[in-house]
Amino acid sequence: MKRFRLRDERVKKIKALLAQGKDVGLLDSGNSCLFGPSHWYVEEFDSEDVVIVPGMGCDAAAMAALGKSTIPAHDVRFVMQTAPFFLMGWEKTDRQILKDLAKYPTTMVLYMALYEPDKVFAALGEMLPPDMPCAVVYWAGYPDRQRIVRGTVADMGQKLSKDKERFMGLLFVGRFLEGKPYEMAQKLGQKELEQ
């Protein structure tokens, strides 16, 4: 595979630099341990030879840009972070996990969801209410490039299809995007305690 050959060539260069006694750093985007591109390289080295330095992940930067709490939020029970191809298969046709998730109040954070937005939102539209809020934070944490596109499950696929950017965006789906999610979660919790 071409991708593996490219990776192997780069790993060979890195190993040559290390053999010369040099230190090598890989600057990663996003969250280095959650869909972190550098793991494509890291796995080719002994773990004791690699140091991962955490920084601000794109998920945290995007949530800050949205100014919302993903959990607690309304009646949400959990936050799921994944990519559409893990959730629904590479062709985005396996709906079983999505169907199961739709039974519970969930906040979804989807990485790499911009490549085929029509397919992603067709699947989400089969399982979620059309008014379910969505947002994409593009270039999260980059003040000069960061922007937000908001919509619903019903209209977001069309909005994203018109956008040229297909990679540097994080998709959020859930009721946390509306109203006062934290306050509502606290009120619901209080009601449960009083029963």
Protein backbone atom coordinates (compact mmCIF):
# COMPACT_ATOMS: atom_id res chain seq x y z
CA MET A 1 0.00 0.00 0.00
CA LYS A 2 1.27 3.44 -0.90
CA ARG A 3 0.44 4.84 2.56
CA PHE A 4 2.53 2.18 4.28
CA ARG A 5 5.47 2.77 1.94
CA LEU A 6 5.36 6.49 2.70
CA ARG A 7 5.25 5.81 6.44
CA ASP A 8 8.09 3.30 6.21
CA GLU A 9 10.27 5.79 4.30
CA ARG A 10 9.69 8.43 6.97
CA VAL A 11 10.35 5.99 9.81
CA LYS A 12 13.61 5.00 8.11
CA LYS A 13 14.68 8.68 8.01
CA ILE A 14 13.76 9.17 11.67
CA LYS A 15 15.70 6.05 12.71
CA ALA A 16 18.73 7.28 10.75
CA LEU A 17 18.63 10.59 12.64
CA LEU A 18 18.29 8.77 15.96
CA ALA A 19 21.26 6.56 15.06
CA GLN A 20 23.29 9.77 14.64
CA GLY A 21 22.43 10.68 18.24
CA LYS A 22 19.90 13.32 17.30
CA ASP A 23 16.56 13.92 18.97
CA VAL A 24 13.52 13.90 16.71
CA GLY A 25 10.20 15.56 17.48
CA LEU A 26 6.89 15.04 15.73
CA LEU A 27 4.48 17.91 16.06
CA ASP A 28 1.00 16.47 16.05
CA SER A 29 -2.37 18.08 15.53
CA GLY A 30 -5.44 17.34 17.60
CA ASN A 31 -5.16 15.08 20.59
CA SER A 32 -1.98 13.03 20.32
CA CYS A 33 -3.59 9.92 21.84
CA LEU A 34 -7.08 10.12 20.33
CA PHE A 35 -6.92 9.69 16.57
CA GLY A 36 -3.41 11.12 16.82
CA PRO A 37 -1.70 10.96 13.43
CA SER A 38 1.74 10.50 15.01
CA HIS A 39 0.82 7.02 16.26
CA TRP A 40 1.18 5.95 12.65
CA TYR A 41 4.91 6.46 13.32
CA VAL A 42 5.11 5.82 17.07
CA GLU A 43 4.05 2.18 16.67
CA GLU A 44 7.20 1.54 14.64
CA PHE A 45 9.48 2.33 17.61
CA ASP A 46 10.10 0.76 21.01
CA SER A 47 7.83 2.38 23.57
CA GLU A 48 10.78 3.29 25.82
CA ASP A 49 12.22 5.35 22.96
CA VAL A 50 9.11 7.53 22.61
CA VAL A 51 7.94 10.38 24.81
CA ILE A 52 4.47 11.77 24.20
CA VAL A 53 4.04 15.32 25.43
CA PRO A 54 0.37 16.20 25.86
CA GLY A 55 -1.02 19.52 24.83
CA MET A 56 -4.40 21.06 24.17
CA GLY A 57 -6.44 18.53 22.24
CA CYS A 58 -8.70 19.61 19.41
CA ASP A 59 -11.68 18.22 21.32
CA ALA A 60 -11.06 20.54 24.28
CA ALA A 61 -10.31 23.50 21.99
CA ALA A 62 -13.52 22.87 20.04
CA MET A 63 -15.64 22.59 23.18
CA ALA A 64 -14.16 25.87 24.41
CA ALA A 65 -15.04 27.48 21.08
CA LEU A 66 -18.62 26.23 21.43
CA GLY A 67 -18.77 27.44 25.03
CA LYS A 68 -20.82 24.44 26.10
CA SER A 69 -20.46 21.53 28.51
CA THR A 70 -20.80 18.19 26.72
CA ILE A 71 -21.51 16.44 30.02
CA PRO A 72 -23.33 17.00 32.27
CA ALA A 73 -25.85 18.22 29.72
CA HIS A 74 -29.61 17.79 29.92
CA ASP A 75 -30.24 14.03 30.34
CA VAL A 76 -27.09 12.87 28.51
CA ARG A 77 -25.58 9.71 29.99
CA PHE A 78 -22.27 9.64 28.12
CA VAL A 79 -20.07 11.26 25.49
CA MET A 80 -18.92 9.11 22.61
CA GLN A 81 -15.79 10.01 20.64
CA THR A 82 -15.14 8.07 17.45
CA ALA A 83 -15.04 8.39 13.67
CA PRO A 84 -17.85 7.48 11.25
CA PHE A 85 -15.89 4.59 9.74
CA PHE A 86 -15.49 2.99 13.19
CA LEU A 87 -19.12 3.67 14.06
CA MET A 88 -20.68 2.47 10.79
CA GLY A 89 -17.94 0.69 8.83
CA TRP A 90 -15.83 2.05 5.98
CA GLU A 91 -18.82 2.25 3.63
CA LYS A 92 -20.98 3.81 6.39
CA THR A 93 -23.69 1.17 5.89
CA ASP A 94 -23.63 -0.71 9.23
CA ARG A 95 -26.28 1.01 11.32
CA GLN A 96 -26.53 -1.38 14.28
CA ILE A 97 -24.26 0.49 16.71
CA LEU A 98 -25.84 3.80 15.75
CA LYS A 99 -29.29 2.25 16.25
CA ASP A 100 -28.28 1.02 19.71
CA LEU A 101 -26.81 4.40 20.66
CA ALA A 102 -29.97 6.21 19.58
CA LYS A 103 -31.79 4.50 22.48
CA TYR A 104 -29.85 6.65 24.96
CA PRO A 105 -29.27 10.39 25.36
CA THR A 106 -25.77 10.69 23.93
CA THR A 107 -23.37 13.42 22.92
CA MET A 108 -21.34 12.42 19.86
CA VAL A 109 -17.95 13.82 18.95
CA LEU A 110 -16.97 12.59 15.50
CA TYR A 111 -13.47 12.89 14.09
CA MET A 112 -12.87 12.68 10.33
CA ALA A 113 -16.59 13.11 9.64
CA LEU A 114 -16.32 15.74 6.92
CA TYR A 115 -15.16 13.58 4.02
CA GLU A 116 -18.62 12.29 3.03
CA PRO A 117 -21.05 14.41 5.05
CA ASP A 118 -24.10 13.34 3.04
CA LYS A 119 -23.53 9.69 3.96
CA VAL A 120 -22.83 10.53 7.60
CA PHE A 121 -25.98 12.62 7.98
CA ALA A 122 -28.14 10.19 6.02
CA ALA A 123 -27.20 7.58 8.63
CA LEU A 124 -27.65 9.95 11.57
CA GLY A 125 -31.00 11.05 10.11
CA GLU A 126 -32.27 7.47 10.16
CA MET A 127 -31.73 7.21 13.91
CA LEU A 128 -31.89 10.70 15.41
CA PRO A 129 -34.60 13.36 15.42
CA PRO A 130 -34.24 15.87 12.56
CA ASP A 131 -34.00 18.78 15.01
CA MET A 132 -31.01 17.27 16.86
CA PRO A 133 -28.43 20.10 17.01
CA CYS A 134 -25.03 19.71 15.36
CA ALA A 135 -21.94 21.86 15.05
CA VAL A 136 -18.61 21.59 13.31
CA VAL A 137 -15.67 23.49 14.73
CA TYR A 138 -13.11 23.96 11.98
CA TRP A 139 -9.46 24.47 12.89
CA ALA A 140 -10.20 24.35 16.63
CA GLY A 141 -7.60 26.24 18.63
CA TYR A 142 -6.27 28.22 15.65
CA PRO A 143 -7.62 31.74 16.37
CA ASP A 144 -6.99 33.05 12.86
CA ARG A 145 -8.72 30.09 11.15
CA GLN A 146 -11.23 28.76 13.67
CA ARG A 147 -14.89 28.91 12.64
CA ILE A 148 -18.12 27.17 13.58
CA VAL A 149 -20.92 25.88 11.38
CA ARG A 150 -24.16 25.07 13.22
CA GLY A 151 -27.20 23.17 12.08
CA THR A 152 -29.34 20.13 12.73
CA VAL A 153 -29.24 16.51 11.65
CA ALA A 154 -31.75 17.49 8.93
CA ASP A 155 -29.68 20.25 7.30
CA MET A 156 -26.05 19.75 8.31
CA GLY A 157 -25.13 17.27 5.57
CA GLN A 158 -26.08 19.80 2.91
CA LYS A 159 -24.25 22.64 4.69
CA LEU A 160 -21.05 20.62 5.02
CA SER A 161 -21.20 19.34 1.43
CA LYS A 162 -20.81 22.94 0.25
CA ASP A 163 -17.72 23.53 2.41
CA LYS A 164 -14.30 22.96 0.85
CA GLU A 165 -12.63 21.82 4.08
CA ARG A 166 -12.82 18.03 4.42
CA PHE A 167 -10.47 17.25 7.28
CA MET A 168 -9.74 19.96 9.83
CA GLY A 169 -13.10 19.96 11.59
CA LEU A 170 -14.64 18.19 14.54
CA LEU A 171 -18.34 17.29 14.43
CA PHE A 172 -20.49 17.51 17.55
CA VAL A 173 -24.01 16.08 17.70
CA GLY A 174 -26.24 16.45 20.73
CA ARG A 175 -28.67 18.44 22.84
CA PHE A 176 -25.77 19.99 24.77
CA LEU A 177 -25.67 22.55 21.96
CA GLU A 178 -29.02 24.07 22.96
CA GLY A 179 -30.22 26.00 25.96
CA LYS A 180 -28.49 25.70 29.33
CA PRO A 181 -27.31 22.08 29.29
CA TYR A 182 -25.41 22.12 32.58
CA GLU A 183 -28.25 23.77 34.51
CA MET A 184 -30.79 21.33 33.05
CA ALA A 185 -28.63 18.37 34.06
CA GLN A 186 -28.42 19.68 37.61
CA LYS A 187 -32.20 20.16 37.79
CA LEU A 188 -32.84 16.65 36.47
CA GLY A 189 -30.37 15.25 38.99
CA GLN A 190 -32.08 17.10 41.81
CA LYS A 191 -35.47 15.71 40.74
CA GLU A 192 -34.07 12.17 40.83
CA LEU A 193 -32.71 12.72 44.34
CA GLU A 194 -36.04 14.05 45.57
CA GLN A 195 -37.97 10.99 44.38
